[in-house]
N, C-alpha and C. Protein backbone atom coordinates (compact mmCIF):
# COMPACT_ATOMS: atom_id res chain seq x y z
N MET A 1 -18.91 -5.96 -16.98
CA MET A 1 -18.26 -4.73 -17.37
C MET A 1 -16.67 -5.10 -16.93
N GLY A 2 -15.83 -4.65 -17.81
CA GLY A 2 -14.39 -4.89 -17.65
C GLY A 2 -13.83 -3.92 -16.60
N ARG A 3 -12.52 -4.20 -16.22
CA ARG A 3 -11.82 -3.48 -15.31
C ARG A 3 -11.51 -2.08 -16.03
N LYS A 4 -11.56 -0.97 -15.20
CA LYS A 4 -11.26 0.34 -15.70
C LYS A 4 -9.81 0.46 -15.94
N ALA A 5 -9.41 1.10 -17.15
CA ALA A 5 -8.01 1.20 -17.49
C ALA A 5 -7.40 2.21 -16.54
N ARG A 6 -6.23 1.99 -16.08
CA ARG A 6 -5.54 2.95 -15.27
C ARG A 6 -4.92 4.11 -16.05
N VAL A 7 -5.00 5.31 -15.38
CA VAL A 7 -4.57 6.48 -16.04
C VAL A 7 -3.29 6.87 -15.23
N TYR A 8 -2.19 7.05 -15.96
CA TYR A 8 -0.88 7.36 -15.35
C TYR A 8 -0.46 8.90 -15.57
N LYS A 9 0.29 9.30 -14.57
CA LYS A 9 0.93 10.70 -14.74
C LYS A 9 2.30 10.56 -14.14
N ARG A 10 3.22 11.10 -14.87
CA ARG A 10 4.49 11.04 -14.23
C ARG A 10 4.78 11.88 -12.86
N VAL A 11 5.37 11.24 -11.99
CA VAL A 11 5.66 11.87 -10.74
C VAL A 11 6.92 12.64 -10.73
N THR A 12 7.03 13.84 -11.26
CA THR A 12 8.19 14.49 -11.55
C THR A 12 8.88 14.86 -10.26
N GLU A 13 8.29 14.99 -9.15
CA GLU A 13 8.90 15.27 -7.85
C GLU A 13 9.81 14.22 -7.50
N ALA A 14 9.63 12.98 -7.97
CA ALA A 14 10.43 11.78 -7.64
C ALA A 14 11.79 11.91 -8.35
N ASP A 15 11.91 12.66 -9.50
CA ASP A 15 13.06 12.72 -10.23
C ASP A 15 14.33 13.28 -9.38
N GLY A 16 13.94 14.38 -8.78
CA GLY A 16 15.01 15.10 -7.98
C GLY A 16 15.43 14.14 -6.71
N MET A 17 14.39 13.56 -6.16
CA MET A 17 14.66 12.76 -5.03
C MET A 17 15.59 11.46 -5.41
N ILE A 18 15.31 10.91 -6.63
CA ILE A 18 16.15 9.77 -7.00
C ILE A 18 17.54 10.20 -7.21
N LYS A 19 17.71 11.40 -7.94
CA LYS A 19 18.94 11.90 -8.21
C LYS A 19 19.71 12.26 -6.90
N ALA A 20 19.03 12.77 -5.98
CA ALA A 20 19.75 13.23 -4.74
C ALA A 20 20.18 11.97 -3.90
N ILE A 21 19.21 10.87 -3.97
CA ILE A 21 19.53 9.74 -3.05
C ILE A 21 20.74 9.01 -3.70
N CYS A 22 20.79 8.95 -5.12
CA CYS A 22 22.02 8.27 -5.72
C CYS A 22 23.33 9.11 -5.45
N GLU A 23 23.19 10.39 -5.37
CA GLU A 23 24.37 11.15 -5.13
C GLU A 23 24.84 11.05 -3.57
N LYS A 24 23.81 11.02 -2.80
CA LYS A 24 24.09 10.92 -1.34
C LYS A 24 24.50 9.56 -0.92
N GLN A 25 24.06 8.55 -1.62
CA GLN A 25 24.30 7.16 -1.33
C GLN A 25 24.94 6.38 -2.40
N PRO A 26 26.13 6.86 -2.99
CA PRO A 26 26.59 6.17 -4.18
C PRO A 26 27.09 4.82 -4.01
N ASP A 27 27.50 4.39 -2.79
CA ASP A 27 27.92 2.93 -2.47
C ASP A 27 26.64 2.05 -2.47
N ALA A 28 25.60 2.46 -1.81
CA ALA A 28 24.41 1.64 -1.72
C ALA A 28 23.65 1.56 -3.07
N MET A 29 23.71 2.72 -3.81
CA MET A 29 23.00 2.74 -5.09
C MET A 29 24.03 2.45 -6.30
N GLY A 30 24.93 1.70 -6.15
CA GLY A 30 25.93 1.55 -7.11
C GLY A 30 25.53 1.12 -8.56
N PHE A 31 24.34 0.40 -8.66
CA PHE A 31 23.91 -0.09 -10.04
C PHE A 31 22.90 0.89 -10.62
N VAL A 32 22.55 1.90 -9.89
CA VAL A 32 21.37 2.76 -10.24
C VAL A 32 21.82 4.00 -10.96
N ARG A 33 21.19 4.15 -12.08
CA ARG A 33 21.47 5.43 -12.91
C ARG A 33 20.22 6.14 -12.85
N PRO A 34 20.21 7.32 -12.24
CA PRO A 34 19.00 8.15 -12.00
C PRO A 34 18.05 8.33 -13.29
N LEU A 35 18.85 8.65 -14.43
CA LEU A 35 17.93 8.89 -15.63
C LEU A 35 17.24 7.69 -16.09
N SER A 36 17.73 6.43 -15.66
CA SER A 36 17.12 5.35 -16.22
C SER A 36 15.74 4.93 -15.40
N ILE A 37 15.43 5.73 -14.49
CA ILE A 37 14.21 5.44 -13.69
C ILE A 37 13.16 6.49 -13.87
N THR A 38 11.89 6.19 -14.02
CA THR A 38 10.82 7.18 -13.96
C THR A 38 9.82 6.58 -13.05
N VAL A 39 9.06 7.53 -12.29
CA VAL A 39 8.01 7.20 -11.43
C VAL A 39 6.64 7.57 -12.10
N MET A 40 5.77 6.69 -12.14
CA MET A 40 4.48 6.91 -12.79
C MET A 40 3.42 6.61 -11.70
N GLY A 41 2.50 7.59 -11.49
CA GLY A 41 1.45 7.55 -10.50
C GLY A 41 0.15 7.31 -11.13
N ILE A 42 -0.54 6.39 -10.53
CA ILE A 42 -2.03 6.02 -10.98
C ILE A 42 -2.82 7.02 -10.46
N GLU A 43 -3.54 7.86 -11.40
CA GLU A 43 -4.34 8.94 -10.81
C GLU A 43 -5.87 8.73 -10.77
N ASN A 44 -6.31 7.72 -11.39
CA ASN A 44 -7.70 7.54 -11.51
C ASN A 44 -8.27 6.45 -10.60
N SER A 45 -7.49 6.05 -9.67
CA SER A 45 -8.04 5.13 -8.60
C SER A 45 -7.07 5.17 -7.35
N GLU A 46 -7.51 4.65 -6.35
CA GLU A 46 -6.71 4.48 -5.17
C GLU A 46 -6.46 3.00 -4.91
N ARG A 47 -5.36 2.82 -4.19
CA ARG A 47 -4.95 1.46 -3.76
C ARG A 47 -6.10 0.91 -2.68
N SER A 48 -6.54 -0.22 -3.01
CA SER A 48 -7.54 -0.81 -2.17
C SER A 48 -6.94 -1.23 -0.79
N GLU A 49 -7.84 -1.38 0.15
CA GLU A 49 -7.23 -1.69 1.52
C GLU A 49 -6.62 -3.04 1.59
N LYS A 50 -7.01 -4.09 0.68
CA LYS A 50 -6.50 -5.33 0.67
C LYS A 50 -5.11 -5.33 -0.10
N ASN A 51 -4.72 -4.38 -0.91
CA ASN A 51 -3.50 -4.30 -1.63
C ASN A 51 -2.52 -3.57 -0.78
N HIS A 52 -1.59 -4.34 -0.32
CA HIS A 52 -0.52 -3.78 0.56
C HIS A 52 0.77 -3.29 -0.23
N THR A 53 0.73 -3.38 -1.46
CA THR A 53 1.88 -3.01 -2.36
C THR A 53 1.90 -1.48 -2.32
N LEU A 54 2.88 -0.88 -1.74
CA LEU A 54 2.97 0.54 -1.85
C LEU A 54 3.61 1.00 -3.19
N ALA A 55 4.58 0.29 -3.70
CA ALA A 55 5.09 0.69 -4.99
C ALA A 55 5.76 -0.54 -5.63
N LYS A 56 5.84 -0.51 -7.06
CA LYS A 56 6.45 -1.65 -7.62
C LYS A 56 7.36 -1.17 -8.81
N ILE A 57 8.53 -1.77 -8.90
CA ILE A 57 9.35 -1.36 -9.97
C ILE A 57 9.43 -2.50 -11.03
N LYS A 58 9.37 -1.96 -12.24
CA LYS A 58 9.36 -2.93 -13.42
C LYS A 58 10.43 -2.66 -14.41
N PRO A 59 11.13 -3.47 -15.00
CA PRO A 59 12.18 -3.24 -16.04
C PRO A 59 11.38 -3.08 -17.36
N ILE A 60 11.92 -2.13 -18.21
CA ILE A 60 11.38 -1.93 -19.51
C ILE A 60 11.93 -3.10 -20.33
N ARG A 61 11.13 -3.81 -21.06
CA ARG A 61 11.50 -5.01 -21.84
C ARG A 61 10.72 -4.97 -23.28
N GLY A 62 11.19 -5.85 -24.02
CA GLY A 62 10.44 -6.07 -25.36
C GLY A 62 10.27 -4.91 -26.24
N ALA A 63 9.04 -4.76 -26.83
CA ALA A 63 8.72 -3.63 -27.70
C ALA A 63 8.90 -2.32 -27.06
N GLU A 64 8.47 -2.21 -25.75
CA GLU A 64 8.58 -0.88 -25.03
C GLU A 64 10.01 -0.45 -25.00
N LYS A 65 10.93 -1.49 -24.70
CA LYS A 65 12.43 -1.17 -24.69
C LYS A 65 12.80 -0.61 -26.09
N ALA A 66 12.34 -1.34 -27.05
CA ALA A 66 12.80 -0.87 -28.38
C ALA A 66 12.22 0.53 -28.68
N ILE A 67 11.03 0.76 -28.40
CA ILE A 67 10.38 2.09 -28.64
C ILE A 67 11.29 3.19 -27.91
N PHE A 68 11.53 2.93 -26.60
CA PHE A 68 12.34 3.91 -25.81
C PHE A 68 13.72 4.08 -26.41
N GLN A 69 14.39 3.07 -26.87
CA GLN A 69 15.71 3.18 -27.40
C GLN A 69 15.69 3.96 -28.87
N ASP A 70 14.68 3.61 -29.52
CA ASP A 70 14.48 4.30 -30.84
C ASP A 70 14.26 5.85 -30.69
N ASN A 71 13.70 6.14 -29.65
CA ASN A 71 13.36 7.63 -29.39
C ASN A 71 14.29 8.32 -28.43
N ASN A 72 15.39 7.64 -28.15
CA ASN A 72 16.57 8.06 -27.19
C ASN A 72 16.06 8.45 -25.84
N ILE A 73 15.02 7.64 -25.28
CA ILE A 73 14.49 7.86 -24.01
C ILE A 73 15.36 6.84 -23.11
N PRO A 74 16.02 7.43 -22.14
CA PRO A 74 16.96 6.51 -21.21
C PRO A 74 16.32 5.73 -20.22
N VAL A 75 15.07 5.82 -20.12
CA VAL A 75 14.37 5.03 -19.01
C VAL A 75 14.35 3.55 -19.32
N ARG A 76 14.87 2.81 -18.22
CA ARG A 76 14.94 1.36 -18.21
C ARG A 76 14.14 0.69 -17.25
N TYR A 77 13.63 1.42 -16.19
CA TYR A 77 12.87 1.10 -15.07
C TYR A 77 11.68 2.06 -14.91
N VAL A 78 10.54 1.40 -14.50
CA VAL A 78 9.32 2.27 -14.18
C VAL A 78 8.92 1.84 -12.76
N ILE A 79 8.80 2.80 -11.80
CA ILE A 79 8.31 2.60 -10.57
C ILE A 79 6.87 3.04 -10.58
N GLU A 80 5.95 2.19 -10.32
CA GLU A 80 4.54 2.46 -10.31
C GLU A 80 3.87 2.48 -8.84
N LEU A 81 3.17 3.50 -8.70
CA LEU A 81 2.50 3.80 -7.30
C LEU A 81 1.20 4.41 -7.66
N TYR A 82 0.40 4.70 -6.46
CA TYR A 82 -0.77 5.48 -6.45
C TYR A 82 -0.51 6.86 -6.17
N TRP A 83 -1.16 7.77 -6.91
CA TRP A 83 -0.92 9.27 -6.56
C TRP A 83 -1.48 9.56 -5.14
N SER A 84 -2.66 8.93 -4.83
CA SER A 84 -3.24 9.05 -3.49
C SER A 84 -2.24 8.70 -2.38
N ASP A 85 -1.48 7.74 -2.59
CA ASP A 85 -0.55 7.25 -1.61
C ASP A 85 0.65 8.28 -1.56
N TRP A 86 1.10 8.60 -2.77
CA TRP A 86 2.29 9.52 -2.90
C TRP A 86 1.92 10.85 -2.19
N ASN A 87 0.83 11.35 -2.35
CA ASN A 87 0.22 12.70 -1.81
C ASN A 87 0.15 12.58 -0.24
N GLY A 88 -0.11 11.31 0.37
CA GLY A 88 -0.29 11.14 1.69
C GLY A 88 1.11 10.92 2.45
N TRP A 89 2.15 10.54 1.77
CA TRP A 89 3.44 10.11 2.19
C TRP A 89 4.31 11.34 2.65
N THR A 90 4.95 11.38 3.76
CA THR A 90 5.93 12.34 4.06
C THR A 90 7.09 12.23 3.11
N ALA A 91 7.85 13.36 3.12
CA ALA A 91 9.03 13.43 2.26
C ALA A 91 9.93 12.22 2.56
N LYS A 92 10.10 11.95 3.92
CA LYS A 92 10.95 10.87 4.29
C LYS A 92 10.46 9.42 3.85
N GLN A 93 9.18 9.29 3.95
CA GLN A 93 8.47 8.04 3.43
C GLN A 93 8.82 7.89 1.92
N LYS A 94 8.61 8.98 1.23
CA LYS A 94 8.89 8.93 -0.27
C LYS A 94 10.24 8.59 -0.53
N GLN A 95 11.30 9.12 0.23
CA GLN A 95 12.63 8.81 0.01
C GLN A 95 12.93 7.31 0.22
N TRP A 96 12.39 6.79 1.24
CA TRP A 96 12.68 5.33 1.72
C TRP A 96 12.04 4.45 0.72
N ILE A 97 10.81 4.80 0.30
CA ILE A 97 10.10 3.87 -0.67
C ILE A 97 10.95 3.93 -2.10
N LEU A 98 11.35 5.03 -2.49
CA LEU A 98 12.16 5.19 -3.69
C LEU A 98 13.37 4.40 -3.54
N PHE A 99 14.09 4.62 -2.35
CA PHE A 99 15.33 3.79 -2.10
C PHE A 99 15.14 2.41 -2.18
N HIS A 100 14.02 1.90 -1.50
CA HIS A 100 13.74 0.46 -1.57
C HIS A 100 13.55 -0.03 -3.01
N GLU A 101 12.81 0.70 -3.78
CA GLU A 101 12.57 0.12 -5.21
C GLU A 101 13.79 0.31 -6.02
N MET A 102 14.78 1.35 -5.78
CA MET A 102 15.98 1.31 -6.53
C MET A 102 16.97 0.21 -6.19
N LEU A 103 16.89 -0.30 -4.86
CA LEU A 103 17.69 -1.38 -4.56
C LEU A 103 17.36 -2.71 -5.42
N HIS A 104 16.18 -2.69 -6.16
CA HIS A 104 15.79 -3.71 -7.09
C HIS A 104 16.53 -3.62 -8.45
N CYS A 105 17.18 -2.46 -8.68
CA CYS A 105 17.84 -2.32 -10.08
C CYS A 105 19.08 -3.16 -10.13
N HIS A 106 19.13 -3.82 -11.28
CA HIS A 106 20.16 -4.75 -11.59
C HIS A 106 21.12 -4.14 -12.64
N PRO A 107 22.43 -4.50 -12.57
CA PRO A 107 23.40 -3.93 -13.69
C PRO A 107 22.88 -4.42 -15.18
N ASP A 108 22.12 -5.50 -15.17
CA ASP A 108 21.51 -5.91 -16.64
C ASP A 108 20.13 -5.36 -16.46
N PHE A 109 19.89 -4.21 -17.27
CA PHE A 109 18.55 -3.52 -17.10
C PHE A 109 17.29 -4.39 -17.36
N GLU A 110 17.39 -5.48 -17.78
CA GLU A 110 16.07 -6.23 -18.04
C GLU A 110 15.79 -7.13 -16.82
N LYS A 111 16.58 -6.98 -15.77
CA LYS A 111 16.38 -7.78 -14.57
C LYS A 111 16.18 -6.94 -13.29
N THR A 112 15.64 -7.54 -12.31
CA THR A 112 15.55 -6.87 -10.98
C THR A 112 16.16 -7.73 -10.00
N ILE A 113 16.57 -7.28 -8.90
CA ILE A 113 17.21 -7.97 -7.75
C ILE A 113 15.97 -8.21 -6.75
N LYS A 114 15.92 -9.51 -6.47
CA LYS A 114 14.90 -9.93 -5.45
C LYS A 114 15.37 -9.44 -3.95
N HIS A 115 14.44 -9.35 -3.13
CA HIS A 115 14.62 -9.13 -1.73
C HIS A 115 15.59 -10.16 -1.23
N ASP A 116 16.51 -9.72 -0.28
CA ASP A 116 17.47 -10.84 0.39
C ASP A 116 16.79 -11.42 1.65
N CYS A 117 15.67 -10.86 1.98
CA CYS A 117 14.84 -11.42 3.12
C CYS A 117 13.29 -10.87 2.64
N GLU A 118 12.54 -10.66 3.53
CA GLU A 118 11.20 -10.02 3.25
C GLU A 118 11.39 -8.61 2.72
N ASP A 119 12.42 -8.07 2.99
CA ASP A 119 12.76 -6.74 2.59
C ASP A 119 14.27 -6.82 2.15
N PHE A 120 15.02 -5.76 2.31
CA PHE A 120 16.51 -5.71 1.97
C PHE A 120 17.08 -5.63 3.37
N LYS A 121 18.09 -6.38 3.61
CA LYS A 121 18.90 -6.42 5.02
C LYS A 121 19.42 -4.97 5.24
N ILE A 122 19.88 -4.29 4.12
CA ILE A 122 20.49 -2.94 4.33
C ILE A 122 19.46 -1.86 4.86
N ILE A 123 18.17 -2.12 4.57
CA ILE A 123 17.24 -1.31 5.02
C ILE A 123 16.76 -1.64 6.43
N LEU A 124 16.51 -2.94 6.69
CA LEU A 124 16.12 -3.42 7.94
C LEU A 124 17.13 -3.09 9.09
N ASP A 125 18.38 -3.22 8.73
CA ASP A 125 19.39 -2.85 9.62
C ASP A 125 19.40 -1.44 10.17
N LYS A 126 19.09 -0.50 9.21
CA LYS A 126 19.04 0.82 9.54
C LYS A 126 17.76 1.28 10.19
N VAL A 127 16.60 0.95 9.70
CA VAL A 127 15.21 1.48 10.10
C VAL A 127 14.24 0.47 10.67
N GLY A 128 14.57 -0.79 10.59
CA GLY A 128 13.68 -1.96 11.28
C GLY A 128 12.62 -2.30 10.30
N VAL A 129 11.84 -3.31 10.69
CA VAL A 129 10.87 -3.99 9.89
C VAL A 129 9.52 -3.13 9.59
N ASP A 130 9.29 -2.15 10.44
CA ASP A 130 8.15 -1.39 10.18
C ASP A 130 8.41 -0.05 9.61
N TRP A 131 9.35 0.10 8.91
CA TRP A 131 9.97 1.52 8.47
C TRP A 131 8.76 2.11 7.62
N ALA A 132 8.12 1.42 6.75
CA ALA A 132 7.02 1.96 5.87
C ALA A 132 6.04 2.82 6.59
N SER A 133 5.81 2.54 7.85
CA SER A 133 4.82 3.19 8.71
C SER A 133 5.33 4.29 9.60
N LYS A 134 6.62 4.42 9.51
CA LYS A 134 7.21 5.46 10.54
C LYS A 134 7.19 6.85 10.28
N LYS A 135 6.83 7.23 9.04
CA LYS A 135 6.67 8.64 8.53
C LYS A 135 7.78 9.48 8.88
N ASP A 136 7.69 10.53 9.69
CA ASP A 136 8.71 11.36 9.88
C ASP A 136 9.93 10.92 10.89
N ASP A 137 9.64 9.73 11.41
CA ASP A 137 10.83 9.11 12.37
C ASP A 137 11.90 8.55 11.56
N LEU A 138 11.76 8.59 10.20
CA LEU A 138 12.81 7.90 9.44
C LEU A 138 13.97 8.89 9.22
N PRO A 139 15.27 8.45 9.11
CA PRO A 139 16.26 9.37 8.69
C PRO A 139 16.11 9.93 7.24
N ASN A 140 16.53 11.20 7.09
CA ASN A 140 16.40 11.90 5.84
C ASN A 140 17.63 11.34 4.90
N LEU A 141 17.24 10.58 3.86
CA LEU A 141 18.39 9.97 3.05
C LEU A 141 19.04 11.08 2.21
N ILE A 142 18.51 12.18 2.03
CA ILE A 142 19.17 13.31 1.32
C ILE A 142 19.95 14.19 2.16
N ASP A 143 19.34 14.69 3.30
CA ASP A 143 19.85 15.74 4.00
C ASP A 143 20.79 15.18 5.29
N ASP A 144 20.43 14.09 5.76
CA ASP A 144 21.19 13.52 6.80
C ASP A 144 22.31 12.72 6.45
N ASP A 145 23.38 12.52 7.44
CA ASP A 145 24.54 11.68 7.01
C ASP A 145 24.20 10.16 7.34
N VAL A 146 23.40 9.49 6.39
CA VAL A 146 22.94 8.12 6.78
C VAL A 146 24.02 7.22 6.30
N LYS A 147 24.61 6.39 7.15
CA LYS A 147 25.53 5.39 6.80
C LYS A 147 24.99 3.93 6.82
N PHE A 148 25.23 3.27 5.73
CA PHE A 148 24.76 1.86 5.70
C PHE A 148 25.83 0.78 5.84
N ASN A 149 25.52 -0.34 6.34
CA ASN A 149 26.44 -1.43 6.49
C ASN A 149 26.37 -2.02 5.10
N LEU A 150 27.42 -1.62 4.23
CA LEU A 150 27.39 -2.09 2.89
C LEU A 150 27.63 -3.64 2.68
N ASN A 151 28.05 -4.30 3.79
CA ASN A 151 28.24 -5.70 3.71
C ASN A 151 26.81 -6.36 3.56
N LEU A 152 25.75 -5.61 3.87
CA LEU A 152 24.40 -6.13 3.79
C LEU A 152 23.79 -5.84 2.40
N ARG A 153 24.44 -5.13 1.56
CA ARG A 153 23.94 -4.84 0.29
C ARG A 153 24.09 -6.03 -0.53
N PRO A 154 23.02 -6.56 -1.38
CA PRO A 154 23.17 -7.80 -2.09
C PRO A 154 24.38 -7.71 -3.03
N GLY A 155 25.24 -8.58 -2.96
CA GLY A 155 26.37 -8.74 -3.81
C GLY A 155 26.00 -9.24 -5.17
N ILE A 156 26.85 -9.06 -6.07
CA ILE A 156 26.60 -9.54 -7.44
C ILE A 156 26.26 -11.08 -7.56
N GLU A 157 27.02 -11.87 -6.67
CA GLU A 157 26.76 -13.13 -6.67
C GLU A 157 25.39 -13.67 -6.06
N ASP A 158 24.80 -12.63 -5.31
CA ASP A 158 23.39 -12.87 -4.71
C ASP A 158 22.26 -12.46 -5.70
N LEU A 159 22.56 -11.87 -6.79
CA LEU A 159 21.53 -11.26 -7.60
C LEU A 159 20.86 -12.41 -8.28
N MET A 160 19.42 -12.19 -8.30
CA MET A 160 18.55 -13.12 -8.93
C MET A 160 17.61 -12.43 -9.81
N GLU A 161 17.34 -12.91 -10.91
CA GLU A 161 16.34 -12.22 -11.72
C GLU A 161 14.99 -12.20 -11.27
N GLY A 162 14.33 -10.97 -11.31
CA GLY A 162 12.97 -10.91 -11.06
C GLY A 162 12.07 -11.18 -12.30
N GLU A 163 10.83 -11.68 -12.11
CA GLU A 163 10.10 -11.90 -13.29
C GLU A 163 9.42 -10.72 -13.79
N ASP A 164 8.52 -10.06 -13.05
CA ASP A 164 7.75 -8.91 -13.46
C ASP A 164 8.07 -7.77 -12.68
N GLY A 165 9.08 -7.64 -11.95
CA GLY A 165 9.33 -6.44 -11.09
C GLY A 165 9.21 -6.85 -9.68
N ASP A 166 9.45 -6.03 -8.74
CA ASP A 166 9.33 -6.24 -7.23
C ASP A 166 8.68 -5.12 -6.75
N GLU A 167 8.11 -5.38 -5.50
CA GLU A 167 7.31 -4.37 -4.88
C GLU A 167 7.54 -4.32 -3.38
N ILE A 168 7.15 -3.24 -2.88
CA ILE A 168 7.15 -3.02 -1.35
C ILE A 168 5.79 -3.69 -0.94
N ILE A 169 5.75 -4.58 0.10
CA ILE A 169 4.61 -4.98 0.64
C ILE A 169 4.57 -4.66 2.16
N LYS A 170 3.52 -4.18 2.74
CA LYS A 170 3.55 -4.00 4.04
C LYS A 170 3.71 -5.25 4.80
N GLU A 171 4.40 -5.23 6.00
CA GLU A 171 4.75 -6.47 6.75
C GLU A 171 3.63 -7.40 7.08
N ASP A 172 2.48 -6.91 7.10
CA ASP A 172 1.26 -7.84 7.70
C ASP A 172 0.65 -8.73 6.54
N GLU A 173 1.30 -8.63 5.42
CA GLU A 173 0.65 -9.41 4.24
C GLU A 173 1.51 -10.57 3.86
N ASP A 174 0.91 -11.80 3.62
CA ASP A 174 1.80 -12.84 3.17
C ASP A 174 1.88 -12.84 1.65
N GLU A 175 2.81 -13.44 1.16
CA GLU A 175 3.08 -13.56 -0.14
C GLU A 175 1.87 -14.17 -0.95
N GLU A 176 1.12 -15.15 -0.30
CA GLU A 176 0.00 -15.78 -0.91
C GLU A 176 -1.06 -14.77 -1.18
N ASP A 177 -1.37 -13.78 -0.30
CA ASP A 177 -2.37 -12.74 -0.52
C ASP A 177 -1.90 -11.95 -1.72
N VAL A 178 -0.73 -11.54 -1.88
CA VAL A 178 -0.33 -10.88 -3.07
C VAL A 178 -0.58 -11.57 -4.31
N ILE A 179 -0.42 -12.87 -4.35
CA ILE A 179 -0.57 -13.76 -5.43
C ILE A 179 -2.09 -13.76 -5.78
N LYS A 180 -2.92 -13.92 -4.80
CA LYS A 180 -4.37 -13.94 -4.96
C LYS A 180 -4.77 -12.62 -5.53
N ASP A 181 -4.23 -11.52 -5.02
CA ASP A 181 -4.72 -10.19 -5.54
C ASP A 181 -4.33 -10.04 -6.90
N GLU A 182 -3.14 -10.44 -7.36
CA GLU A 182 -2.69 -10.41 -8.69
C GLU A 182 -3.59 -11.25 -9.55
N GLU A 183 -4.01 -12.43 -9.13
CA GLU A 183 -4.75 -13.32 -9.96
C GLU A 183 -6.19 -12.69 -10.33
N LYS A 184 -6.69 -11.92 -9.25
CA LYS A 184 -8.06 -11.23 -9.47
C LYS A 184 -8.03 -10.16 -10.59
N LYS A 185 -6.79 -9.65 -10.76
CA LYS A 185 -6.64 -8.53 -11.91
C LYS A 185 -6.94 -9.01 -13.06
């Protein structure tokens, strides 16, 4: 029997968060256009315990890009996550996960920016390596006056094209495990 097809539903709550983060953090979100990103939640399954990818951003390419453009749909990136995770995250976790994914946005919409280390230095500097598990101990990106060391934001010369998008991976997983999980799909 084949793998069950995923059923997606748009996470409309994320739209306002993305817009608010971009407005509150314009220097850190310099390449991001809020209307160019949509968040889709997988609603017919949960993330397995072996899958440590909390969210993944993918650029719209090829035929999908042409369809979107022909229909005047401004979306150029899709953030994919599981509804079961989204519903369990605090508001601050949602903000930081969206912020992380938006840091992957590239000025050339068909590309993504790779991590500058296992995560982004700009995030690690502010909240540390275990930020994804901190829940409400995270600063509020929308309501608090969060200042970033913009020297840690990947510069244009540091940008590298991502192949199929980039994702958040919990710190206890090696890249080899992610590759093995992807190969099983």
